[in-house]
Structure formats: structure tokens, C-alpha cells
C-alpha atoms as a PDB file:
ATOM      1  CA  MET A   1       2.934  22.373   9.625  1.00  0.00           C
ATOM      2  CA  GLU A   2      -0.747  22.740   8.833  1.00  0.00           C
ATOM      3  CA  ASN A   3      -2.777  19.545   9.195  1.00  0.00           C
ATOM      4  CA  CYS A   4      -4.966  18.860   6.152  1.00  0.00           C
ATOM      5  CA  ILE A   5      -6.622  15.665   7.416  1.00  0.00           C
ATOM      6  CA  ARG A   6      -7.525  15.035  11.047  1.00  0.00           C
ATOM      7  CA  LEU A   7      -9.371  12.233  12.781  1.00  0.00           C
ATOM      8  CA  ASP A   8     -10.335  12.739  16.429  1.00  0.00           C
ATOM      9  CA  ASN A   9     -11.322   9.693  18.499  1.00  0.00           C
ATOM     10  CA  ILE A  10     -13.190   7.889  15.706  1.00  0.00           C
ATOM     11  CA  ASN A  11     -15.255   4.820  16.607  1.00  0.00           C
ATOM     12  CA  LYS A  12     -17.193   2.786  14.071  1.00  0.00           C
ATOM     13  CA  SER A  13     -19.206  -0.427  14.276  1.00  0.00           C
ATOM     14  CA  PHE A  14     -21.170  -2.460  11.757  1.00  0.00           C
ATOM     15  CA  GLY A  15     -23.920  -4.147  13.727  1.00  0.00           C
ATOM     16  CA  LYS A  16     -22.303  -5.750  16.765  1.00  0.00           C
ATOM     17  CA  LYS A  17     -18.811  -5.732  15.256  1.00  0.00           C
ATOM     18  CA  GLN A  18     -16.666  -2.717  16.115  1.00  0.00           C
ATOM     19  CA  VAL A  19     -14.051  -2.049  13.434  1.00  0.00           C
ATOM     20  CA  LEU A  20     -12.484   1.245  14.610  1.00  0.00           C
ATOM     21  CA  PHE A  21     -11.501   1.919  18.203  1.00  0.00           C
ATOM     22  CA  ASP A  22     -10.918   5.555  19.225  1.00  0.00           C
ATOM     23  CA  VAL A  23      -8.771   6.277  16.155  1.00  0.00           C
ATOM     24  CA  SER A  24      -6.962   9.631  15.996  1.00  0.00           C
ATOM     25  CA  LEU A  25      -4.680  10.837  13.208  1.00  0.00           C
ATOM     26  CA  LYS A  26      -3.141  14.049  11.845  1.00  0.00           C
ATOM     27  CA  ILE A  27      -1.859  14.324   8.269  1.00  0.00           C
ATOM     28  CA  PRO A  28       0.069  17.474   7.238  1.00  0.00           C
ATOM     29  CA  LYS A  29      -0.702  19.350   4.038  1.00  0.00           C
ATOM     30  CA  GLY A  30       1.306  18.058   1.088  1.00  0.00           C
ATOM     31  CA  CYS A  31       2.193  14.802   2.813  1.00  0.00           C
ATOM     32  CA  ILE A  32       1.995  11.346   1.244  1.00  0.00           C
ATOM     33  CA  PHE A  33       0.659   9.359   4.172  1.00  0.00           C
ATOM     34  CA  GLY A  34       0.534   5.582   4.133  1.00  0.00           C
ATOM     35  CA  LEU A  35      -1.967   3.475   6.048  1.00  0.00           C
ATOM     36  CA  LEU A  36      -0.423   0.014   6.306  1.00  0.00           C
ATOM     37  CA  GLY A  37      -2.203  -3.084   7.498  1.00  0.00           C
ATOM     38  CA  PRO A  38      -3.762  -6.406   6.495  1.00  0.00           C
ATOM     39  CA  SER A  39      -7.212  -6.774   4.935  1.00  0.00           C
ATOM     40  CA  GLY A  40      -9.985  -6.220   7.488  1.00  0.00           C
ATOM     41  CA  CYS A  41      -7.924  -4.031   9.828  1.00  0.00           C
ATOM     42  CA  GLY A  42     -10.059  -0.905   9.288  1.00  0.00           C
ATOM     43  CA  LYS A  43      -8.113   0.926   6.565  1.00  0.00           C
ATOM     44  CA  THR A  44     -10.992   1.160   4.088  1.00  0.00           C
ATOM     45  CA  THR A  45     -13.477   2.188   6.778  1.00  0.00           C
ATOM     46  CA  SER A  46     -11.111   4.970   7.877  1.00  0.00           C
ATOM     47  CA  VAL A  47     -10.734   6.226   4.314  1.00  0.00           C
ATOM     48  CA  LYS A  48     -14.495   6.190   3.690  1.00  0.00           C
ATOM     49  CA  ILE A  49     -15.023   8.292   6.816  1.00  0.00           C
ATOM     50  CA  MET A  50     -12.394  10.783   5.604  1.00  0.00           C
ATOM     51  CA  ALA A  51     -14.102  10.872   2.193  1.00  0.00           C
ATOM     52  CA  GLY A  52     -17.496  11.578   3.759  1.00  0.00           C
ATOM     53  CA  ILE A  53     -18.976   8.337   2.421  1.00  0.00           C
ATOM     54  CA  LEU A  54     -19.385   6.723   5.845  1.00  0.00           C
ATOM     55  CA  LYS A  55     -20.504   8.354   9.074  1.00  0.00           C
ATOM     56  CA  GLN A  56     -18.605   7.436  12.223  1.00  0.00           C
ATOM     57  CA  ASP A  57     -20.473   6.443  15.405  1.00  0.00           C
ATOM     58  CA  SER A  58     -18.502   8.934  17.485  1.00  0.00           C
ATOM     59  CA  GLY A  59     -15.583  11.290  17.068  1.00  0.00           C
ATOM     60  CA  SER A  60     -14.910  13.859  14.337  1.00  0.00           C
ATOM     61  CA  ALA A  61     -13.257  13.904  10.906  1.00  0.00           C
ATOM     62  CA  TYR A  62     -11.850  17.108   9.412  1.00  0.00           C
ATOM     63  CA  ILE A  63     -10.604  17.793   5.882  1.00  0.00           C
ATOM     64  CA  MET A  64      -8.866  21.131   5.182  1.00  0.00           C
ATOM     65  CA  GLY A  65     -10.234  22.406   8.486  1.00  0.00           C
ATOM     66  CA  GLY A  66     -13.866  21.575   7.688  1.00  0.00           C
ATOM     67  CA  LEU A  67     -15.987  19.020   9.498  1.00  0.00           C
ATOM     68  CA  MET A  68     -16.915  16.045   7.332  1.00  0.00           C
ATOM     69  CA  PRO A  69     -19.147  15.131   5.645  1.00  0.00           C
ATOM     70  CA  ASP A  70     -19.287  18.387   3.664  1.00  0.00           C
ATOM     71  CA  LEU A  71     -20.269  18.423  -0.029  1.00  0.00           C
ATOM     72  CA  SER A  72     -18.199  21.536  -0.807  1.00  0.00           C
ATOM     73  CA  LEU A  73     -15.095  19.829   0.591  1.00  0.00           C
ATOM     74  CA  MET A  74     -15.880  16.534  -1.126  1.00  0.00           C
ATOM     75  CA  ALA A  75     -15.854  18.376  -4.471  1.00  0.00           C
ATOM     76  CA  GLN A  76     -12.172  19.220  -3.844  1.00  0.00           C
ATOM     77  CA  MET A  77     -11.208  15.611  -3.170  1.00  0.00           C
ATOM     78  CA  GLY A  78     -10.290  12.675  -5.347  1.00  0.00           C
ATOM     79  CA  TYR A  79     -11.286   9.254  -4.035  1.00  0.00           C
ATOM     80  CA  MET A  80     -10.328   5.862  -5.409  1.00  0.00           C
ATOM     81  CA  ALA A  81     -12.188   2.931  -3.914  1.00  0.00           C
ATOM     82  CA  GLN A  82     -10.592  -0.474  -3.476  1.00  0.00           C
ATOM     83  CA  SER A  83     -13.333  -1.990  -5.641  1.00  0.00           C
ATOM     84  CA  ALA A  84     -13.660  -0.196  -8.957  1.00  0.00           C
ATOM     85  CA  ALA A  85     -16.880   1.860  -9.144  1.00  0.00           C
ATOM     86  CA  LEU A  86     -17.198   1.963 -12.922  1.00  0.00           C
ATOM     87  CA  TYR A  87     -19.931   1.578 -15.530  1.00  0.00           C
ATOM     88  CA  PRO A  88     -19.023  -1.716 -17.269  1.00  0.00           C
ATOM     89  CA  THR A  89     -21.203  -1.227 -20.357  1.00  0.00           C
ATOM     90  CA  LEU A  90     -19.620   2.141 -21.160  1.00  0.00           C
ATOM     91  CA  SER A  91     -16.223   2.685 -22.726  1.00  0.00           C
ATOM     92  CA  ALA A  92     -13.359   3.965 -20.598  1.00  0.00           C
ATOM     93  CA  TYR A  93     -13.653   7.345 -22.324  1.00  0.00           C
ATOM     94  CA  GLU A  94     -17.387   7.508 -21.626  1.00  0.00           C
ATOM     95  CA  ASN A  95     -16.716   6.735 -17.961  1.00  0.00           C
ATOM     96  CA  LEU A  96     -14.148   9.528 -17.778  1.00  0.00           C
ATOM     97  CA  LYS A  97     -16.445  11.951 -19.591  1.00  0.00           C
ATOM     98  CA  PHE A  98     -19.322  11.153 -17.208  1.00  0.00           C
ATOM     99  CA  PHE A  99     -17.274  11.549 -14.034  1.00  0.00           C
ATOM    100  CA  GLY A 100     -15.605  14.660 -15.447  1.00  0.00           C
ATOM    101  CA  SER A 101     -19.033  16.243 -16.017  1.00  0.00           C
ATOM    102  CA  VAL A 102     -19.968  15.379 -12.413  1.00  0.00           C
ATOM    103  CA  TYR A 103     -16.930  17.386 -11.326  1.00  0.00           C
ATOM    104  CA  GLY A 104     -18.133  20.278 -13.497  1.00  0.00           C
ATOM    105  CA  PHE A 105     -15.703  19.987 -16.411  1.00  0.00           C
ATOM    106  CA  LYS A 106     -16.864  20.416 -19.994  1.00  0.00           C
ATOM    107  CA  GLY A 107     -15.607  21.210 -23.476  1.00  0.00           C
ATOM    108  CA  HIS A 108     -11.881  21.472 -24.120  1.00  0.00           C
ATOM    109  CA  VAL A 109     -11.093  21.604 -20.385  1.00  0.00           C
ATOM    110  CA  LEU A 110     -12.645  18.166 -19.903  1.00  0.00           C
ATOM    111  CA  VAL A 111     -10.769  16.791 -22.926  1.00  0.00           C
ATOM    112  CA  GLU A 112      -7.473  18.158 -21.576  1.00  0.00           C
ATOM    113  CA  ARG A 113      -8.066  16.637 -18.135  1.00  0.00           C
ATOM    114  CA  ILE A 114      -8.920  13.252 -19.672  1.00  0.00           C
ATOM    115  CA  ASP A 115      -5.797  13.367 -21.864  1.00  0.00           C
ATOM    116  CA  LYS A 116      -3.582  14.177 -18.886  1.00  0.00           C
ATOM    117  CA  VAL A 117      -4.855  11.538 -16.458  1.00  0.00           C
ATOM    118  CA  THR A 118      -5.071   8.739 -19.040  1.00  0.00           C
ATOM    119  CA  ASP A 119      -1.507   9.417 -20.146  1.00  0.00           C
ATOM    120  CA  LEU A 120      -0.387   9.157 -16.517  1.00  0.00           C
ATOM    121  CA  VAL A 121      -1.971   5.739 -15.970  1.00  0.00           C
ATOM    122  CA  GLY A 122      -1.060   4.390 -19.418  1.00  0.00           C
ATOM    123  CA  LEU A 123      -4.565   4.067 -20.874  1.00  0.00           C
ATOM    124  CA  THR A 124      -4.379   6.538 -23.761  1.00  0.00           C
ATOM    125  CA  HIS A 125      -4.713   3.809 -26.392  1.00  0.00           C
ATOM    126  CA  GLU A 126      -7.364   1.792 -24.534  1.00  0.00           C
ATOM    127  CA  LEU A 127     -10.116   4.396 -24.143  1.00  0.00           C
ATOM    128  CA  LYS A 128     -12.482   3.000 -26.787  1.00  0.00           C
ATOM    129  CA  LYS A 129     -12.787  -0.374 -25.074  1.00  0.00           C
ATOM    130  CA  THR A 130     -15.785  -1.031 -22.856  1.00  0.00           C
ATOM    131  CA  VAL A 131     -14.872  -1.427 -19.204  1.00  0.00           C
ATOM    132  CA  SER A 132     -16.293  -4.965 -19.230  1.00  0.00           C
ATOM    133  CA  ALA A 133     -13.400  -5.881 -21.562  1.00  0.00           C
ATOM    134  CA  TYR A 134     -10.813  -4.447 -19.171  1.00  0.00           C
ATOM    135  CA  SER A 135      -8.590  -6.591 -16.971  1.00  0.00           C
ATOM    136  CA  GLU A 136      -8.692  -5.935 -13.215  1.00  0.00           C
ATOM    137  CA  GLY A 137      -5.421  -4.043 -13.466  1.00  0.00           C
ATOM    138  CA  MET A 138      -6.795  -1.807 -16.222  1.00  0.00           C
ATOM    139  CA  LYS A 139      -9.916  -1.116 -14.161  1.00  0.00           C
ATOM    140  CA  GLN A 140      -7.631  -0.111 -11.293  1.00  0.00           C
ATOM    141  CA  ARG A 141      -5.770   2.290 -13.567  1.00  0.00           C
ATOM    142  CA  LEU A 142      -9.033   3.774 -14.856  1.00  0.00           C
ATOM    143  CA  SER A 143     -10.288   4.276 -11.299  1.00  0.00           C
ATOM    144  CA  LEU A 144      -7.072   6.116 -10.450  1.00  0.00           C
ATOM    145  CA  ALA A 145      -7.473   8.319 -13.540  1.00  0.00           C
ATOM    146  CA  ILE A 146     -11.006   9.239 -12.428  1.00  0.00           C
ATOM    147  CA  ALA A 147      -9.763  10.103  -8.926  1.00  0.00           C
ATOM    148  CA  LEU A 148      -7.214  12.465 -10.486  1.00  0.00           C
ATOM    149  CA  LEU A 149      -9.724  14.168 -12.825  1.00  0.00           C
ATOM    150  CA  PRO A 150     -10.819  17.005 -10.498  1.00  0.00           C
ATOM    151  CA  ASP A 151      -7.207  18.139  -9.903  1.00  0.00           C
ATOM    152  CA  PRO A 152      -7.892  17.494  -6.201  1.00  0.00           C
ATOM    153  CA  LYS A 153      -6.398  19.166  -3.135  1.00  0.00           C
ATOM    154  CA  VAL A 154      -6.822  15.911  -1.218  1.00  0.00           C
ATOM    155  CA  LEU A 155      -6.381  12.479  -2.794  1.00  0.00           C
ATOM    156  CA  LEU A 156      -7.600   9.350  -0.992  1.00  0.00           C
ATOM    157  CA  LEU A 157      -6.381   6.150  -2.617  1.00  0.00           C
ATOM    158  CA  ASP A 158      -7.448   2.750  -1.308  1.00  0.00           C
ATOM    159  CA  GLU A 159      -4.912   0.139  -2.531  1.00  0.00           C
ATOM    160  CA  PRO A 160      -4.218   2.131  -5.741  1.00  0.00           C
ATOM    161  CA  THR A 161      -1.506  -0.037  -7.286  1.00  0.00           C
ATOM    162  CA  VAL A 162      -2.956  -3.538  -6.805  1.00  0.00           C
ATOM    163  CA  GLY A 163      -2.643  -5.433 -10.091  1.00  0.00           C
ATOM    164  CA  ILE A 164      -0.486  -2.763 -11.722  1.00  0.00           C
ATOM    165  CA  ASP A 165       2.868  -3.738 -13.249  1.00  0.00           C
ATOM    166  CA  PRO A 166       6.114  -2.443 -11.667  1.00  0.00           C
ATOM    167  CA  VAL A 167       6.979  -0.009 -14.483  1.00  0.00           C
ATOM    168  CA  LEU A 168       3.608   1.743 -14.315  1.00  0.00           C
ATOM    169  CA  ARG A 169       3.672   1.639 -10.512  1.00  0.00           C
ATOM    170  CA  LYS A 170       6.955   3.564 -10.610  1.00  0.00           C
ATOM    171  CA  SER A 171       5.393   6.140 -12.950  1.00  0.00           C
ATOM    172  CA  ILE A 172       2.371   6.552 -10.663  1.00  0.00           C
ATOM    173  CA  TRP A 173       4.561   7.092  -7.603  1.00  0.00           C
ATOM    174  CA  LYS A 174       6.549   9.699  -9.524  1.00  0.00           C
ATOM    175  CA  GLU A 175       3.286  11.564 -10.178  1.00  0.00           C
ATOM    176  CA  LEU A 176       2.221  11.237  -6.529  1.00  0.00           C
ATOM    177  CA  TYR A 177       5.490  12.852  -5.440  1.00  0.00           C
ATOM    178  CA  TYR A 178       4.926  15.632  -7.990  1.00  0.00           C
ATOM    179  CA  LEU A 179       1.391  16.253  -6.705  1.00  0.00           C
ATOM    180  CA  SER A 180       2.697  16.286  -3.138  1.00  0.00           C
ATOM    181  CA  ASP A 181       5.281  18.925  -4.104  1.00  0.00           C
ATOM    182  CA  GLN A 182       2.363  21.007  -5.449  1.00  0.00           C
ATOM    183  CA  GLY A 183       0.677  20.865  -2.021  1.00  0.00           C
ATOM    184  CA  VAL A 184      -1.743  17.975  -2.632  1.00  0.00           C
ATOM    185  CA  THR A 185      -2.297  15.837   0.470  1.00  0.00           C
ATOM    186  CA  ILE A 186      -2.350  12.140  -0.385  1.00  0.00           C
ATOM    187  CA  LEU A 187      -3.448   9.187   1.706  1.00  0.00           C
ATOM    188  CA  VAL A 188      -2.562   5.727   0.377  1.00  0.00           C
ATOM    189  CA  THR A 189      -3.725   2.484   1.959  1.00  0.00           C
ATOM    190  CA  THR A 190      -1.630  -0.578   1.303  1.00  0.00           C
ATOM    191  CA  HIS A 191      -0.676  -3.978   2.616  1.00  0.00           C
ATOM    192  CA  VAL A 192       2.566  -3.992   0.595  1.00  0.00           C
ATOM    193  CA  MET A 193       5.597  -3.222   2.743  1.00  0.00           C
ATOM    194  CA  ASP A 194       7.808  -1.718   0.037  1.00  0.00           C
ATOM    195  CA  GLU A 195       5.019   0.686  -0.977  1.00  0.00           C
ATOM    196  CA  ALA A 196       4.655   1.807   2.635  1.00  0.00           C
ATOM    197  CA  GLY A 197       8.334   2.722   2.627  1.00  0.00           C
ATOM    198  CA  LYS A 198       7.746   5.199  -0.225  1.00  0.00           C
ATOM    199  CA  CYS A 199       5.422   7.347   1.925  1.00  0.00           C
ATOM    200  CA  HIS A 200       6.564  10.461   3.787  1.00  0.00           C
ATOM    201  CA  ARG A 201       4.751   9.303   6.896  1.00  0.00           C
ATOM    202  CA  LEU A 202       3.126   6.047   7.842  1.00  0.00           C
ATOM    203  CA  ALA A 203       0.664   4.562  10.312  1.00  0.00           C
ATOM    204  CA  MET A 204       0.557   0.847  10.997  1.00  0.00           C
ATOM    205  CA  MET A 205      -2.932  -0.486  11.629  1.00  0.00           C
ATOM    206  CA  ARG A 206      -4.271  -3.735  13.026  1.00  0.00           C
ATOM    207  CA  GLU A 207      -7.715  -4.743  14.296  1.00  0.00           C
ATOM    208  CA  GLY A 208      -9.083  -1.193  14.293  1.00  0.00           C
ATOM    209  CA  VAL A 209      -6.248   0.573  16.123  1.00  0.00           C
ATOM    210  CA  PHE A 210      -2.992   2.266  15.145  1.00  0.00           C
ATOM    211  CA  LEU A 211       0.096   0.416  16.319  1.00  0.00           C
ATOM    212  CA  ALA A 212       2.691   3.045  15.415  1.00  0.00           C
ATOM    213  CA  GLU A 213       3.004   6.282  13.439  1.00  0.00           C
ATOM    214  CA  GLY A 214       5.908   8.307  12.029  1.00  0.00           C
ATOM    215  CA  THR A 215       8.247   8.396   9.071  1.00  0.00           C
ATOM    216  CA  PRO A 216       9.231   4.935   7.808  1.00  0.00           C
ATOM    217  CA  SER A 217      12.745   5.413   9.217  1.00  0.00           C
ATOM    218  CA  GLU A 218      11.384   6.556  12.590  1.00  0.00           C
ATOM    219  CA  ILE A 219       9.155   3.488  12.819  1.00  0.00           C
ATOM    220  CA  ILE A 220      12.018   1.168  11.916  1.00  0.00           C
ATOM    221  CA  GLU A 221      14.309   2.855  14.444  1.00  0.00           C
ATOM    222  CA  LYS A 222      11.666   2.798  17.184  1.00  0.00           C
ATOM    223  CA  SER A 223      11.144  -0.935  16.703  1.00  0.00           C
ATOM    224  CA  GLY A 224      14.821  -1.785  16.519  1.00  0.00           C
ATOM    225  CA  ALA A 225      14.063  -3.650  13.293  1.00  0.00           C
ATOM    226  CA  LYS A 226      15.800  -3.495   9.925  1.00  0.00           C
ATOM    227  CA  THR A 227      12.730  -3.378   7.674  1.00  0.00           C
ATOM    228  CA  ILE A 228       9.151  -2.065   7.636  1.00  0.00           C
ATOM    229  CA  GLU A 229       7.922  -5.665   7.640  1.00  0.00           C
ATOM    230  CA  ASP A 230       9.911  -6.551  10.764  1.00  0.00           C
ATOM    231  CA  ALA A 231       8.736  -3.338  12.429  1.00  0.00           C
ATOM    232  CA  PHE A 232       5.101  -4.256  11.724  1.00  0.00           C
ATOM    233  CA  ILE A 233       5.631  -7.685  13.284  1.00  0.00           C
ATOM    234  CA  TYR A 234       7.270  -6.049  16.306  1.00  0.00           C
ATOM    235  CA  PHE A 235       4.453  -3.571  16.928  1.00  0.00           C
ATOM    236  CA  GLY A 236       1.822  -6.202  16.123  1.00  0.00           C
ATOM    237  CA  ARG A 237       3.155  -8.282  18.992  1.00  0.00           C
ATOM    238  CA  GLY A 238       2.698  -5.353  21.358  1.00  0.00           C
ATOM    239  CA  GLY A 239       6.195  -3.905  21.185  1.00  0.00           C
ATOM    240  CA  GLY A 240       6.771  -0.218  21.838  1.00  0.00           C
ATOM    241  CA  SER A 241       3.966   2.276  22.523  1.00  0.00           C
ATOM    242  CA  ASP A 242       1.598   4.476  20.524  1.00  0.00           C
ATOM    243  CA  GLU A 243       3.343   7.615  21.715  1.00  0.00           C
ATOM    244  CA  ASP A 244       5.601   9.496  19.321  1.00  0.00           C
END
């Protein structure tokens, strides 16, 4: 299967603190890939390198076969940051209209895209409110809508369902599966074990390295555990190996 996202021997430090250690990863086209690990383990740094926002110290990152960072590739990607990057004094609709214009949409096409993504995240009736009046969960939903605006081929989502209620979370996962079936490659970072189990494939991360990688069932079987959580504890204690 064709790999859509590839990291080759990525190292990254901030000052004297190294946060990624020789990280390598291959994500097939159309796969929902989960990056599971606690806060500070290197998930967000990895995603920012994939998105072309951060430059690694060494190693290479490829998206759809192209070496990142590449502006033409970045235009085909949707990226949702862990911290909402929104304009608080503008309404939700004005935020969507601005980001839609950045992606090159205008007129009725832009209106249709806004209608579609806001319906998905349950914000259709909240678009006139300024973002400063939004709860954290609503800001998260708006950020996800913006990431979906360009109809991306690659979707990078950093903790996308934090603060979102279970009913809407179920609806969002249904849409992610639909997008995956259409060939969209999706990377989701999470620290929630049951969310990790929804992914087609999964990598467990701790202190800047990958502990294990495979389908959720493969990881559970390899660890001899009964749950994703127990498997993470097993690999975190040094059980198993990094080999598939």
C-alpha cells in the first residue's frame, strides 16, 4: 500500500532539550493513524514537522511523496492545532470565511464548504457569535471545521475531540471514517485510550520515541495485554521490541 506520510530518522531539540529521537514512521494512504502518548511525549512536535510548521534538526519528512516543508503540499492539507488558532474578536462565520479565502474558496463554493463543515461539527446555529464568547469545546469544534474546509487529502488533527461531548465525538469519528474511505489520510494525536482503539493503525509514543506500532489488536496481542491501556503500560516499562 502506498505510504502517504513518512518520517525518516527525525531528531528535534529545543535548546538543550531533545524531544524527538531518531523517529521513523510510515502511514498508508487512506489510513486513520493514531499517535498515542501523554502530554510532552513529542506528539505535537511530530505533527508540526509533518505539517511543515516546524523544521527538524535532522532526518526527512515526506507528505504524498514530496519533501516537507512544501507550500504546494501544505495547500492540500488540513491541520488542527491543539491550541485553537482563531481570531477571538471575529464571529465564527467570519473566521471560517477568512480561512476559506486563504484556501482560495470564494462565492457560493465557500458558502457550501462552510455549511458542510459547520453542520458536521454541530455549529450551524452558533456562527454569529464572536469566538471570544465560545466555550473551549466550541473553539475546538470550530478549529476542526476550519481544518476540514479545504477538502484536504491529508488531515492532521492534534487532540481533535478534547472537550467535545460523546454524541458529537461519535459523529466526528463517523465523518473521519467516511473521509478515510474516500482516500483521505488522517493522523490523530490523543492521550485517550478508547479513541486510540478507533484508529486503523496506532503508534505508542513516550519521551520522544515510539514504543510500538501496528493495528490496535496487533499491539494488544504483542503485549499479551487485554486493553490498549495495559499494552501502553507494558511497552512503557520496556516490554517487547520496536520491531513489527
